[in-house]
Amino acid sequence: MEQRIAELEERIAQFEAKTGFMSADTMKANAEAWIERNPKAWAFVKNDARAAVRDKTRFSIKKTLENLRSLPGFVWQGDDFKISNSYSSVFARILLKEVPGLDEVMTVRRSKVDRLFR
């Protein structure tokens, strides 16, 4: 039992190192690097945001990322995974700057990255 607890604690520590305990600066840098490495995927995200603005429908970055993950044919560059959910808050704020009118169809919650987008 003690060995199993130690294994689980190690897995939690690895997860925290990759996700929740990233600084805002690291999250932003990682998200921007992902966008640069995956321009076709980012174009899909932006097009989905533009369609929501055009159609006046609610836009969800998380839903768009889930849809993107399920699409065949994308070659993902530079990550062990397709898209980290840790970048969602950064992606949302970048989209707000890049897609006019998106603020009318997307709501963002407070995030530690907010200070980087003022």
N, C-alpha and C. Protein backbone atom coordinates (compact mmCIF):
# COMPACT_ATOMS: atom_id res chain seq x y z
N MET A 1 0.83 -1.19 0.00
CA MET A 1 0.00 0.00 0.00
C MET A 1 0.87 1.26 0.00
N GLU A 2 1.92 1.28 0.78
CA GLU A 2 2.80 2.45 0.83
C GLU A 2 3.46 2.70 -0.51
N GLN A 3 3.82 1.62 -1.19
CA GLN A 3 4.43 1.78 -2.51
C GLN A 3 3.44 2.40 -3.49
N ARG A 4 2.20 1.95 -3.43
CA ARG A 4 1.16 2.50 -4.32
C ARG A 4 0.93 3.98 -4.04
N ILE A 5 0.90 4.36 -2.78
CA ILE A 5 0.74 5.77 -2.41
C ILE A 5 1.91 6.59 -2.95
N ALA A 6 3.12 6.06 -2.81
CA ALA A 6 4.30 6.77 -3.33
C ALA A 6 4.22 6.93 -4.84
N GLU A 7 3.76 5.90 -5.54
CA GLU A 7 3.61 5.98 -7.00
C GLU A 7 2.58 7.05 -7.38
N LEU A 8 1.46 7.07 -6.69
CA LEU A 8 0.42 8.06 -6.97
C LEU A 8 0.91 9.48 -6.67
N GLU A 9 1.63 9.65 -5.58
CA GLU A 9 2.16 10.96 -5.25
C GLU A 9 3.14 11.44 -6.32
N GLU A 10 3.93 10.52 -6.86
CA GLU A 10 4.87 10.86 -7.92
C GLU A 10 4.13 11.29 -9.19
N ARG A 11 3.07 10.56 -9.52
CA ARG A 11 2.28 10.92 -10.70
C ARG A 11 1.61 12.28 -10.53
N ILE A 12 1.13 12.56 -9.34
CA ILE A 12 0.51 13.87 -9.06
C ILE A 12 1.56 14.96 -9.21
N ALA A 13 2.74 14.73 -8.69
CA ALA A 13 3.81 15.73 -8.80
C ALA A 13 4.18 15.99 -10.26
N GLN A 14 4.24 14.95 -11.06
CA GLN A 14 4.54 15.12 -12.48
C GLN A 14 3.44 15.91 -13.18
N PHE A 15 2.19 15.60 -12.84
CA PHE A 15 1.06 16.31 -13.43
C PHE A 15 1.11 17.79 -13.05
N GLU A 16 1.34 18.07 -11.79
CA GLU A 16 1.39 19.46 -11.33
C GLU A 16 2.53 20.21 -11.98
N ALA A 17 3.64 19.54 -12.20
CA ALA A 17 4.78 20.19 -12.85
C ALA A 17 4.44 20.59 -14.27
N LYS A 18 3.61 19.80 -14.95
CA LYS A 18 3.24 20.08 -16.34
C LYS A 18 2.08 21.05 -16.46
N THR A 19 1.23 21.15 -15.47
CA THR A 19 -0.02 21.90 -15.66
C THR A 19 -0.21 23.00 -14.64
N GLY A 20 -0.87 22.68 -13.54
CA GLY A 20 -1.37 23.68 -12.61
C GLY A 20 -0.36 24.60 -11.99
N PHE A 21 0.88 24.21 -11.97
CA PHE A 21 1.85 25.04 -11.29
C PHE A 21 2.76 25.79 -12.25
N MET A 22 2.34 25.87 -13.52
CA MET A 22 3.07 26.70 -14.46
C MET A 22 2.79 28.15 -14.13
N SER A 23 3.79 28.97 -14.28
CA SER A 23 3.56 30.40 -14.09
C SER A 23 2.77 30.93 -15.29
N ALA A 24 2.17 32.08 -15.12
CA ALA A 24 1.43 32.71 -16.21
C ALA A 24 2.36 32.96 -17.40
N ASP A 25 3.56 33.39 -17.13
CA ASP A 25 4.52 33.66 -18.21
C ASP A 25 4.85 32.38 -18.98
N THR A 26 5.03 31.28 -18.26
CA THR A 26 5.33 30.01 -18.90
C THR A 26 4.14 29.52 -19.71
N MET A 27 2.93 29.67 -19.16
CA MET A 27 1.73 29.26 -19.89
C MET A 27 1.62 30.02 -21.20
N LYS A 28 1.84 31.32 -21.14
CA LYS A 28 1.74 32.15 -22.35
C LYS A 28 2.81 31.78 -23.36
N ALA A 29 4.02 31.62 -22.89
CA ALA A 29 5.12 31.26 -23.80
C ALA A 29 4.87 29.90 -24.45
N ASN A 30 4.42 28.94 -23.67
CA ASN A 30 4.14 27.61 -24.21
C ASN A 30 2.99 27.64 -25.22
N ALA A 31 1.95 28.39 -24.91
CA ALA A 31 0.80 28.49 -25.82
C ALA A 31 1.21 29.16 -27.13
N GLU A 32 1.97 30.24 -27.04
CA GLU A 32 2.43 30.93 -28.24
C GLU A 32 3.34 30.05 -29.07
N ALA A 33 4.19 29.27 -28.41
CA ALA A 33 5.07 28.34 -29.13
C ALA A 33 4.25 27.26 -29.82
N TRP A 34 3.20 26.79 -29.14
CA TRP A 34 2.33 25.78 -29.74
C TRP A 34 1.65 26.34 -31.00
N ILE A 35 1.16 27.57 -30.91
CA ILE A 35 0.51 28.21 -32.06
C ILE A 35 1.49 28.31 -33.23
N GLU A 36 2.70 28.70 -32.93
CA GLU A 36 3.71 28.84 -33.98
C GLU A 36 4.05 27.49 -34.62
N ARG A 37 4.08 26.44 -33.83
CA ARG A 37 4.40 25.10 -34.36
C ARG A 37 3.23 24.45 -35.08
N ASN A 38 2.02 24.92 -34.81
CA ASN A 38 0.81 24.28 -35.34
C ASN A 38 -0.11 25.30 -36.03
N PRO A 39 0.37 25.95 -37.09
CA PRO A 39 -0.43 27.01 -37.71
C PRO A 39 -1.75 26.53 -38.30
N LYS A 40 -1.80 25.32 -38.85
CA LYS A 40 -3.06 24.82 -39.41
C LYS A 40 -4.09 24.59 -38.30
N ALA A 41 -3.64 24.07 -37.19
CA ALA A 41 -4.55 23.85 -36.06
C ALA A 41 -5.05 25.19 -35.52
N TRP A 42 -4.17 26.17 -35.42
CA TRP A 42 -4.57 27.48 -34.93
C TRP A 42 -5.55 28.14 -35.91
N ALA A 43 -5.34 27.93 -37.20
CA ALA A 43 -6.28 28.47 -38.19
C ALA A 43 -7.66 27.86 -37.99
N PHE A 44 -7.72 26.57 -37.67
CA PHE A 44 -9.00 25.93 -37.39
C PHE A 44 -9.68 26.61 -36.19
N VAL A 45 -8.91 26.86 -35.14
CA VAL A 45 -9.46 27.49 -33.93
C VAL A 45 -9.99 28.88 -34.26
N LYS A 46 -9.20 29.67 -34.98
CA LYS A 46 -9.63 31.02 -35.34
C LYS A 46 -10.86 31.00 -36.24
N ASN A 47 -10.90 30.08 -37.18
CA ASN A 47 -12.07 29.99 -38.06
C ASN A 47 -13.32 29.63 -37.29
N ASP A 48 -13.18 28.76 -36.30
CA ASP A 48 -14.31 28.40 -35.46
C ASP A 48 -14.80 29.62 -34.67
N ALA A 49 -13.87 30.41 -34.18
CA ALA A 49 -14.22 31.63 -33.44
C ALA A 49 -14.92 32.64 -34.37
N ARG A 50 -14.37 32.80 -35.57
CA ARG A 50 -14.99 33.72 -36.54
C ARG A 50 -16.41 33.28 -36.90
N ALA A 51 -16.60 31.97 -37.05
CA ALA A 51 -17.93 31.45 -37.38
C ALA A 51 -18.92 31.74 -36.26
N ALA A 52 -18.47 31.61 -35.01
CA ALA A 52 -19.35 31.91 -33.88
C ALA A 52 -19.74 33.38 -33.88
N VAL A 53 -18.80 34.26 -34.18
CA VAL A 53 -19.12 35.69 -34.25
C VAL A 53 -20.10 35.95 -35.39
N ARG A 54 -19.82 35.38 -36.55
CA ARG A 54 -20.69 35.57 -37.71
C ARG A 54 -22.11 35.07 -37.45
N ASP A 55 -22.20 33.88 -36.81
CA ASP A 55 -23.51 33.26 -36.58
C ASP A 55 -24.16 33.70 -35.26
N LYS A 56 -23.41 34.51 -34.50
CA LYS A 56 -23.88 34.98 -33.20
C LYS A 56 -24.24 33.81 -32.27
N THR A 57 -23.36 32.81 -32.25
CA THR A 57 -23.53 31.66 -31.37
C THR A 57 -22.41 31.65 -30.34
N ARG A 58 -22.69 31.05 -29.23
CA ARG A 58 -21.71 30.99 -28.15
C ARG A 58 -20.46 30.25 -28.61
N PHE A 59 -19.30 30.80 -28.26
CA PHE A 59 -18.02 30.18 -28.58
C PHE A 59 -17.37 29.65 -27.32
N SER A 60 -16.89 28.42 -27.39
CA SER A 60 -16.18 27.81 -26.27
C SER A 60 -14.82 27.31 -26.76
N ILE A 61 -13.77 27.84 -26.20
CA ILE A 61 -12.43 27.40 -26.60
C ILE A 61 -12.23 25.93 -26.27
N LYS A 62 -12.75 25.50 -25.13
CA LYS A 62 -12.58 24.08 -24.75
C LYS A 62 -13.28 23.16 -25.74
N LYS A 63 -14.49 23.52 -26.15
CA LYS A 63 -15.22 22.71 -27.13
C LYS A 63 -14.46 22.68 -28.45
N THR A 64 -13.97 23.82 -28.87
CA THR A 64 -13.22 23.89 -30.13
C THR A 64 -11.97 23.01 -30.06
N LEU A 65 -11.27 23.05 -28.93
CA LEU A 65 -10.08 22.21 -28.79
C LEU A 65 -10.43 20.73 -28.82
N GLU A 66 -11.55 20.38 -28.20
CA GLU A 66 -12.00 18.98 -28.24
C GLU A 66 -12.33 18.57 -29.68
N ASN A 67 -13.01 19.44 -30.42
CA ASN A 67 -13.31 19.15 -31.81
C ASN A 67 -12.03 19.00 -32.63
N LEU A 68 -11.08 19.86 -32.38
CA LEU A 68 -9.81 19.82 -33.09
C LEU A 68 -9.07 18.51 -32.83
N ARG A 69 -9.10 18.06 -31.59
CA ARG A 69 -8.42 16.82 -31.24
C ARG A 69 -8.97 15.62 -32.01
N SER A 70 -10.24 15.68 -32.34
CA SER A 70 -10.88 14.54 -32.99
C SER A 70 -10.73 14.55 -34.51
N LEU A 71 -10.21 15.63 -35.08
CA LEU A 71 -10.08 15.70 -36.53
C LEU A 71 -8.91 14.86 -37.02
N PRO A 72 -9.12 14.09 -38.07
CA PRO A 72 -8.01 13.33 -38.64
C PRO A 72 -7.14 14.23 -39.51
N GLY A 73 -5.91 13.83 -39.70
CA GLY A 73 -5.07 14.51 -40.67
C GLY A 73 -4.15 15.59 -40.15
N PHE A 74 -4.30 15.99 -38.91
CA PHE A 74 -3.37 16.98 -38.37
C PHE A 74 -2.09 16.31 -37.91
N VAL A 75 -0.98 16.94 -38.20
CA VAL A 75 0.31 16.49 -37.68
C VAL A 75 0.68 17.47 -36.59
N TRP A 76 0.81 16.96 -35.38
CA TRP A 76 1.08 17.83 -34.22
C TRP A 76 2.57 17.95 -34.03
N GLN A 77 3.02 19.15 -33.80
CA GLN A 77 4.45 19.40 -33.69
C GLN A 77 4.85 19.83 -32.28
N GLY A 78 5.89 19.19 -31.75
CA GLY A 78 6.57 19.69 -30.58
C GLY A 78 6.02 19.35 -29.23
N ASP A 79 4.97 18.54 -29.11
CA ASP A 79 4.42 18.21 -27.80
C ASP A 79 4.19 16.72 -27.70
N ASP A 80 4.16 16.23 -26.47
CA ASP A 80 3.85 14.83 -26.22
C ASP A 80 2.36 14.57 -26.44
N PHE A 81 1.57 15.62 -26.48
CA PHE A 81 0.13 15.53 -26.60
C PHE A 81 -0.31 16.51 -27.67
N LYS A 82 -1.53 16.37 -28.12
CA LYS A 82 -2.00 17.24 -29.20
C LYS A 82 -2.11 18.69 -28.75
N ILE A 83 -2.88 18.92 -27.68
CA ILE A 83 -3.10 20.27 -27.18
C ILE A 83 -3.28 20.17 -25.66
N SER A 84 -2.54 20.97 -24.94
CA SER A 84 -2.69 20.98 -23.49
C SER A 84 -3.87 21.87 -23.09
N ASN A 85 -4.74 21.35 -22.24
CA ASN A 85 -5.84 22.17 -21.72
C ASN A 85 -5.32 23.34 -20.90
N SER A 86 -4.09 23.25 -20.44
CA SER A 86 -3.50 24.33 -19.65
C SER A 86 -3.38 25.61 -20.46
N TYR A 87 -3.41 25.50 -21.77
CA TYR A 87 -3.26 26.68 -22.62
C TYR A 87 -4.59 27.36 -22.95
N SER A 88 -5.70 26.77 -22.56
CA SER A 88 -7.02 27.28 -22.95
C SER A 88 -7.21 28.75 -22.60
N SER A 89 -6.83 29.12 -21.40
CA SER A 89 -7.04 30.51 -20.98
C SER A 89 -6.20 31.48 -21.81
N VAL A 90 -5.01 31.06 -22.18
CA VAL A 90 -4.16 31.90 -23.03
C VAL A 90 -4.75 31.98 -24.43
N PHE A 91 -5.14 30.82 -24.98
CA PHE A 91 -5.74 30.80 -26.31
C PHE A 91 -6.95 31.73 -26.37
N ALA A 92 -7.80 31.68 -25.35
CA ALA A 92 -9.00 32.51 -25.33
C ALA A 92 -8.64 33.99 -25.39
N ARG A 93 -7.65 34.39 -24.66
CA ARG A 93 -7.27 35.80 -24.62
C ARG A 93 -6.59 36.24 -25.91
N ILE A 94 -5.82 35.36 -26.52
CA ILE A 94 -5.22 35.68 -27.82
C ILE A 94 -6.34 35.85 -28.86
N LEU A 95 -7.30 34.94 -28.83
CA LEU A 95 -8.42 35.04 -29.77
C LEU A 95 -9.19 36.34 -29.59
N LEU A 96 -9.39 36.77 -28.36
CA LEU A 96 -10.11 38.02 -28.12
C LEU A 96 -9.42 39.20 -28.80
N LYS A 97 -8.10 39.14 -28.88
CA LYS A 97 -7.35 40.21 -29.56
C LYS A 97 -7.40 40.06 -31.08
N GLU A 98 -7.45 38.82 -31.55
CA GLU A 98 -7.33 38.56 -32.98
C GLU A 98 -8.66 38.46 -33.73
N VAL A 99 -9.75 38.21 -33.02
CA VAL A 99 -11.05 38.01 -33.68
C VAL A 99 -12.03 39.08 -33.21
N PRO A 100 -12.27 40.10 -34.02
CA PRO A 100 -13.19 41.16 -33.64
C PRO A 100 -14.59 40.61 -33.36
N GLY A 101 -15.19 41.10 -32.28
CA GLY A 101 -16.54 40.70 -31.92
C GLY A 101 -16.63 39.44 -31.09
N LEU A 102 -15.52 38.78 -30.88
CA LEU A 102 -15.56 37.52 -30.12
C LEU A 102 -16.01 37.75 -28.68
N ASP A 103 -15.72 38.91 -28.14
CA ASP A 103 -16.12 39.20 -26.76
C ASP A 103 -17.63 39.17 -26.58
N GLU A 104 -18.39 39.27 -27.67
CA GLU A 104 -19.84 39.23 -27.59
C GLU A 104 -20.40 37.81 -27.51
N VAL A 105 -19.59 36.82 -27.90
CA VAL A 105 -20.08 35.44 -27.92
C VAL A 105 -19.23 34.49 -27.05
N MET A 106 -18.23 35.03 -26.38
CA MET A 106 -17.39 34.21 -25.51
C MET A 106 -17.19 34.90 -24.16
N THR A 107 -17.31 34.13 -23.12
CA THR A 107 -17.07 34.62 -21.77
C THR A 107 -15.79 33.97 -21.25
N VAL A 108 -14.96 34.77 -20.60
CA VAL A 108 -13.75 34.21 -19.99
C VAL A 108 -13.83 34.40 -18.48
N ARG A 109 -13.32 33.42 -17.79
CA ARG A 109 -13.22 33.51 -16.34
C ARG A 109 -11.89 34.14 -15.98
N ARG A 110 -11.80 34.56 -14.74
CA ARG A 110 -10.53 35.11 -14.26
C ARG A 110 -9.45 34.06 -14.38
N SER A 111 -8.25 34.49 -14.70
CA SER A 111 -7.13 33.58 -14.85
C SER A 111 -5.85 34.28 -14.41
N LYS A 112 -4.87 33.49 -14.04
CA LYS A 112 -3.59 34.08 -13.66
C LYS A 112 -2.90 34.71 -14.85
N VAL A 113 -3.33 34.41 -16.08
CA VAL A 113 -2.70 35.02 -17.26
C VAL A 113 -3.30 36.38 -17.60
N ASP A 114 -4.36 36.79 -16.93
CA ASP A 114 -5.01 38.07 -17.24
C ASP A 114 -4.03 39.24 -17.25
N ARG A 115 -3.13 39.27 -16.31
CA ARG A 115 -2.20 40.40 -16.21
C ARG A 115 -1.31 40.54 -17.44
N LEU A 116 -1.16 39.46 -18.20
CA LEU A 116 -0.32 39.50 -19.39
C LEU A 116 -1.05 40.03 -20.62
N PHE A 117 -2.36 40.25 -20.50
CA PHE A 117 -3.17 40.65 -21.64
C PHE A 117 -3.86 41.99 -21.43
N ARG A 118 -3.45 42.78 -20.48
CA ARG A 118 -4.09 44.08 -20.23
C ARG A 118 -3.60 45.11 -21.16
